Amino acid sequence: MVETNHLLCSKAVAVFAPKVEVNDTDSKGKLVAALKEFFDFCSDALAKMDDSKLAETTEGFGGKQVRRAWLSLVLAGTWADHYAETALYLRLNGLLPPTAKK
């Protein structure tokens, strides 16, 4: 999740992404720290984003050339998927996601 989001955010906004190396077997602390780093990176990058570069092409998945606008939509869709997955895990464990609480 961290590596994919770094890639999508950097490509969509046309900024350099820091190298992040995490594994599924890393400690919870390391994974949480990597997620926080990603959110900081992407928040800063998206704050500087404007529509002037959305029509530019860049390398997407599998070396295919895609527009930055397309990557922006993929990034938003990816976040929606991550939220849905997280909400499902919480509900399966008897917890309500924060947005479902009154």
N, C-alpha and C. Protein backbone atom coordinates (compact mmCIF):
# COMPACT_ATOMS: atom_id res chain seq x y z
N MET A 1 0.82 -1.19 0.00
CA MET A 1 0.00 0.00 0.00
C MET A 1 0.87 1.25 0.00
N VAL A 2 1.87 1.27 0.84
CA VAL A 2 2.74 2.44 0.93
C VAL A 2 3.49 2.66 -0.38
N GLU A 3 4.09 1.60 -0.90
CA GLU A 3 4.88 1.74 -2.13
C GLU A 3 4.00 2.16 -3.32
N THR A 4 2.85 1.56 -3.46
CA THR A 4 1.95 1.90 -4.56
C THR A 4 1.47 3.33 -4.45
N ASN A 5 1.10 3.75 -3.26
CA ASN A 5 0.61 5.12 -3.09
C ASN A 5 1.72 6.15 -3.31
N HIS A 6 2.95 5.83 -2.90
CA HIS A 6 4.06 6.74 -3.18
C HIS A 6 4.22 6.91 -4.70
N LEU A 7 4.18 5.79 -5.40
CA LEU A 7 4.33 5.83 -6.85
C LEU A 7 3.20 6.63 -7.50
N LEU A 8 1.97 6.33 -7.15
CA LEU A 8 0.83 7.01 -7.77
C LEU A 8 0.84 8.51 -7.47
N CYS A 9 1.09 8.85 -6.23
CA CYS A 9 1.08 10.27 -5.85
C CYS A 9 2.20 11.03 -6.55
N SER A 10 3.38 10.47 -6.58
CA SER A 10 4.50 11.17 -7.22
C SER A 10 4.29 11.32 -8.72
N LYS A 11 3.77 10.29 -9.36
CA LYS A 11 3.54 10.35 -10.81
C LYS A 11 2.40 11.29 -11.16
N ALA A 12 1.35 11.30 -10.37
CA ALA A 12 0.20 12.17 -10.64
C ALA A 12 0.58 13.64 -10.51
N VAL A 13 1.42 13.94 -9.53
CA VAL A 13 1.76 15.33 -9.24
C VAL A 13 3.08 15.77 -9.88
N ALA A 14 3.85 14.84 -10.41
CA ALA A 14 5.13 15.12 -11.04
C ALA A 14 6.17 15.61 -10.04
N VAL A 15 6.28 14.86 -8.93
CA VAL A 15 7.32 15.13 -7.93
C VAL A 15 8.06 13.84 -7.65
N PHE A 16 9.26 13.96 -7.13
CA PHE A 16 10.09 12.80 -6.81
C PHE A 16 9.59 12.16 -5.52
N ALA A 17 9.39 10.86 -5.52
CA ALA A 17 8.96 10.14 -4.31
C ALA A 17 10.18 9.61 -3.58
N PRO A 18 10.18 9.74 -2.27
CA PRO A 18 11.29 9.17 -1.51
C PRO A 18 11.25 7.65 -1.59
N LYS A 19 12.39 7.02 -1.51
CA LYS A 19 12.48 5.56 -1.55
C LYS A 19 11.97 5.00 -0.22
N VAL A 20 11.02 4.11 -0.31
CA VAL A 20 10.45 3.49 0.88
C VAL A 20 10.55 1.98 0.73
N GLU A 21 11.11 1.34 1.73
CA GLU A 21 11.22 -0.11 1.69
C GLU A 21 10.52 -0.69 2.91
N VAL A 22 9.41 -1.34 2.67
CA VAL A 22 8.68 -2.02 3.73
C VAL A 22 8.31 -3.42 3.25
N ASN A 23 8.15 -4.32 4.20
CA ASN A 23 7.76 -5.70 3.90
C ASN A 23 6.57 -6.07 4.76
N ASP A 24 5.82 -7.04 4.31
CA ASP A 24 4.67 -7.50 5.07
C ASP A 24 5.07 -8.01 6.45
N THR A 25 6.31 -8.43 6.59
CA THR A 25 6.77 -9.00 7.86
C THR A 25 7.36 -7.95 8.80
N ASP A 26 7.41 -6.67 8.38
CA ASP A 26 7.94 -5.62 9.25
C ASP A 26 7.04 -5.44 10.47
N SER A 27 7.60 -4.86 11.51
CA SER A 27 6.84 -4.64 12.74
C SER A 27 5.70 -3.64 12.49
N LYS A 28 4.71 -3.72 13.34
CA LYS A 28 3.58 -2.80 13.24
C LYS A 28 4.07 -1.35 13.33
N GLY A 29 5.00 -1.09 14.21
CA GLY A 29 5.54 0.26 14.37
C GLY A 29 6.16 0.79 13.09
N LYS A 30 6.93 -0.07 12.41
CA LYS A 30 7.58 0.35 11.16
C LYS A 30 6.53 0.60 10.08
N LEU A 31 5.53 -0.27 10.00
CA LEU A 31 4.49 -0.10 8.98
C LEU A 31 3.66 1.16 9.23
N VAL A 32 3.32 1.42 10.48
CA VAL A 32 2.55 2.63 10.81
C VAL A 32 3.38 3.87 10.50
N ALA A 33 4.66 3.84 10.84
CA ALA A 33 5.54 4.98 10.53
C ALA A 33 5.62 5.22 9.03
N ALA A 34 5.71 4.14 8.24
CA ALA A 34 5.76 4.27 6.78
C ALA A 34 4.46 4.86 6.25
N LEU A 35 3.34 4.46 6.80
CA LEU A 35 2.05 5.03 6.38
C LEU A 35 1.97 6.51 6.71
N LYS A 36 2.41 6.88 7.89
CA LYS A 36 2.40 8.30 8.28
C LYS A 36 3.30 9.10 7.34
N GLU A 37 4.47 8.56 7.02
CA GLU A 37 5.38 9.23 6.10
C GLU A 37 4.73 9.42 4.73
N PHE A 38 4.04 8.37 4.27
CA PHE A 38 3.34 8.48 2.99
C PHE A 38 2.30 9.58 3.03
N PHE A 39 1.47 9.60 4.05
CA PHE A 39 0.42 10.62 4.11
C PHE A 39 1.01 12.02 4.15
N ASP A 40 2.11 12.20 4.87
CA ASP A 40 2.78 13.51 4.89
C ASP A 40 3.30 13.87 3.50
N PHE A 41 3.98 12.91 2.86
CA PHE A 41 4.51 13.15 1.51
C PHE A 41 3.40 13.51 0.53
N CYS A 42 2.37 12.67 0.52
CA CYS A 42 1.31 12.87 -0.48
C CYS A 42 0.49 14.13 -0.18
N SER A 43 0.25 14.43 1.08
CA SER A 43 -0.47 15.66 1.43
C SER A 43 0.29 16.89 0.94
N ASP A 44 1.60 16.90 1.16
CA ASP A 44 2.42 18.02 0.68
C ASP A 44 2.41 18.12 -0.84
N ALA A 45 2.54 16.97 -1.50
CA ALA A 45 2.56 16.95 -2.97
C ALA A 45 1.22 17.41 -3.54
N LEU A 46 0.13 16.88 -3.02
CA LEU A 46 -1.19 17.25 -3.55
C LEU A 46 -1.54 18.71 -3.27
N ALA A 47 -1.01 19.27 -2.19
CA ALA A 47 -1.26 20.68 -1.89
C ALA A 47 -0.65 21.59 -2.96
N LYS A 48 0.39 21.11 -3.62
CA LYS A 48 1.06 21.90 -4.66
C LYS A 48 0.52 21.60 -6.06
N MET A 49 -0.39 20.66 -6.16
CA MET A 49 -0.90 20.22 -7.46
C MET A 49 -1.84 21.27 -8.06
N ASP A 50 -1.69 21.45 -9.37
CA ASP A 50 -2.66 22.26 -10.11
C ASP A 50 -2.95 21.55 -11.43
N ASP A 51 -3.84 22.10 -12.20
CA ASP A 51 -4.26 21.40 -13.41
C ASP A 51 -3.31 21.59 -14.60
N SER A 52 -2.23 22.32 -14.43
CA SER A 52 -1.36 22.62 -15.56
C SER A 52 -0.61 21.39 -16.10
N LYS A 53 -0.46 20.35 -15.29
CA LYS A 53 0.30 19.18 -15.73
C LYS A 53 -0.57 17.93 -15.93
N LEU A 54 -1.87 18.05 -15.76
CA LEU A 54 -2.73 16.87 -15.82
C LEU A 54 -2.77 16.22 -17.20
N ALA A 55 -2.53 16.98 -18.25
CA ALA A 55 -2.56 16.42 -19.61
C ALA A 55 -1.22 15.82 -20.01
N GLU A 56 -0.17 16.02 -19.22
CA GLU A 56 1.14 15.45 -19.52
C GLU A 56 1.09 13.93 -19.39
N THR A 57 1.91 13.26 -20.16
CA THR A 57 2.00 11.81 -20.03
C THR A 57 3.22 11.44 -19.20
N THR A 58 3.11 10.30 -18.56
CA THR A 58 4.18 9.75 -17.75
C THR A 58 4.05 8.24 -17.77
N GLU A 59 5.05 7.57 -17.29
CA GLU A 59 5.02 6.11 -17.29
C GLU A 59 4.08 5.60 -16.21
N GLY A 60 3.16 4.76 -16.60
CA GLY A 60 2.24 4.14 -15.66
C GLY A 60 2.64 2.70 -15.41
N PHE A 61 1.67 1.88 -15.13
CA PHE A 61 1.92 0.47 -14.85
C PHE A 61 2.37 -0.26 -16.11
N GLY A 62 3.35 -1.11 -15.97
CA GLY A 62 3.84 -1.90 -17.08
C GLY A 62 4.50 -1.09 -18.17
N GLY A 63 4.96 0.11 -17.84
CA GLY A 63 5.64 0.95 -18.82
C GLY A 63 4.72 1.69 -19.77
N LYS A 64 3.42 1.52 -19.62
CA LYS A 64 2.45 2.19 -20.48
C LYS A 64 2.43 3.69 -20.21
N GLN A 65 2.37 4.48 -21.26
CA GLN A 65 2.28 5.93 -21.12
C GLN A 65 0.84 6.33 -20.81
N VAL A 66 0.65 7.07 -19.72
CA VAL A 66 -0.68 7.50 -19.30
C VAL A 66 -0.64 8.98 -18.91
N ARG A 67 -1.76 9.60 -18.88
CA ARG A 67 -1.86 11.00 -18.47
C ARG A 67 -1.86 11.10 -16.94
N ARG A 68 -1.32 12.21 -16.45
CA ARG A 68 -1.30 12.43 -15.01
C ARG A 68 -2.72 12.49 -14.44
N ALA A 69 -3.67 13.00 -15.22
CA ALA A 69 -5.06 13.05 -14.76
C ALA A 69 -5.57 11.64 -14.48
N TRP A 70 -5.24 10.69 -15.35
CA TRP A 70 -5.65 9.30 -15.15
C TRP A 70 -5.07 8.75 -13.86
N LEU A 71 -3.79 9.04 -13.60
CA LEU A 71 -3.16 8.58 -12.37
C LEU A 71 -3.81 9.20 -11.14
N SER A 72 -4.27 10.44 -11.25
CA SER A 72 -4.96 11.09 -10.14
C SER A 72 -6.24 10.35 -9.80
N LEU A 73 -6.96 9.93 -10.83
CA LEU A 73 -8.20 9.18 -10.61
C LEU A 73 -7.91 7.80 -10.03
N VAL A 74 -6.85 7.16 -10.52
CA VAL A 74 -6.46 5.85 -9.97
C VAL A 74 -6.08 6.00 -8.50
N LEU A 75 -5.38 7.06 -8.15
CA LEU A 75 -4.99 7.31 -6.76
C LEU A 75 -6.23 7.45 -5.89
N ALA A 76 -7.21 8.23 -6.31
CA ALA A 76 -8.44 8.41 -5.53
C ALA A 76 -9.19 7.08 -5.40
N GLY A 77 -9.26 6.32 -6.47
CA GLY A 77 -9.92 5.02 -6.41
C GLY A 77 -9.20 4.04 -5.49
N THR A 78 -7.88 4.11 -5.50
CA THR A 78 -7.08 3.24 -4.63
C THR A 78 -7.35 3.56 -3.17
N TRP A 79 -7.43 4.86 -2.85
CA TRP A 79 -7.73 5.25 -1.48
C TRP A 79 -9.11 4.77 -1.06
N ALA A 80 -10.08 4.85 -1.95
CA ALA A 80 -11.42 4.36 -1.64
C ALA A 80 -11.38 2.86 -1.36
N ASP A 81 -10.61 2.12 -2.16
CA ASP A 81 -10.47 0.69 -1.92
C ASP A 81 -9.82 0.40 -0.58
N HIS A 82 -8.77 1.15 -0.24
CA HIS A 82 -8.09 0.95 1.04
C HIS A 82 -9.02 1.24 2.21
N TYR A 83 -9.81 2.30 2.08
CA TYR A 83 -10.74 2.62 3.17
C TYR A 83 -11.77 1.51 3.32
N ALA A 84 -12.33 1.04 2.21
CA ALA A 84 -13.34 -0.02 2.26
C ALA A 84 -12.76 -1.28 2.90
N GLU A 85 -11.54 -1.62 2.53
CA GLU A 85 -10.89 -2.80 3.10
C GLU A 85 -10.67 -2.64 4.60
N THR A 86 -10.20 -1.48 5.00
CA THR A 86 -9.96 -1.21 6.42
C THR A 86 -11.26 -1.24 7.20
N ALA A 87 -12.31 -0.61 6.67
CA ALA A 87 -13.61 -0.60 7.34
C ALA A 87 -14.15 -2.02 7.50
N LEU A 88 -13.95 -2.85 6.49
CA LEU A 88 -14.40 -4.24 6.56
C LEU A 88 -13.65 -4.99 7.66
N TYR A 89 -12.34 -4.84 7.72
CA TYR A 89 -11.57 -5.50 8.77
C TYR A 89 -12.02 -5.04 10.15
N LEU A 90 -12.26 -3.75 10.31
CA LEU A 90 -12.73 -3.25 11.60
C LEU A 90 -14.07 -3.89 11.96
N ARG A 91 -15.00 -3.89 11.03
CA ARG A 91 -16.33 -4.46 11.28
C ARG A 91 -16.24 -5.96 11.59
N LEU A 92 -15.38 -6.69 10.89
CA LEU A 92 -15.22 -8.11 11.18
C LEU A 92 -14.68 -8.36 12.58
N ASN A 93 -14.02 -7.36 13.14
CA ASN A 93 -13.48 -7.46 14.49
C ASN A 93 -14.35 -6.75 15.51
N GLY A 94 -15.59 -6.46 15.14
CA GLY A 94 -16.55 -5.88 16.09
C GLY A 94 -16.37 -4.39 16.34
N LEU A 95 -15.64 -3.69 15.48
CA LEU A 95 -15.41 -2.27 15.66
C LEU A 95 -16.06 -1.48 14.55
N LEU A 96 -16.52 -0.29 14.87
CA LEU A 96 -17.07 0.59 13.84
C LEU A 96 -15.97 1.50 13.31
N PRO A 97 -15.92 1.70 12.00
CA PRO A 97 -14.97 2.68 11.45
C PRO A 97 -15.34 4.07 11.98
N PRO A 98 -14.36 4.95 12.13
CA PRO A 98 -14.65 6.28 12.69
C PRO A 98 -15.76 7.03 11.95
N THR A 99 -15.84 6.87 10.64
CA THR A 99 -16.86 7.61 9.88
C THR A 99 -18.27 7.01 10.07
N ALA A 100 -18.39 5.82 10.65
CA ALA A 100 -19.69 5.22 10.88
C ALA A 100 -20.23 5.54 12.27
N LYS A 101 -19.42 6.17 13.10
CA LYS A 101 -19.86 6.53 14.44
C LYS A 101 -20.63 7.83 14.40
N LYS A 102 -21.63 7.93 15.29
CA LYS A 102 -22.43 9.17 15.35
C LYS A 102 -21.76 10.20 16.22
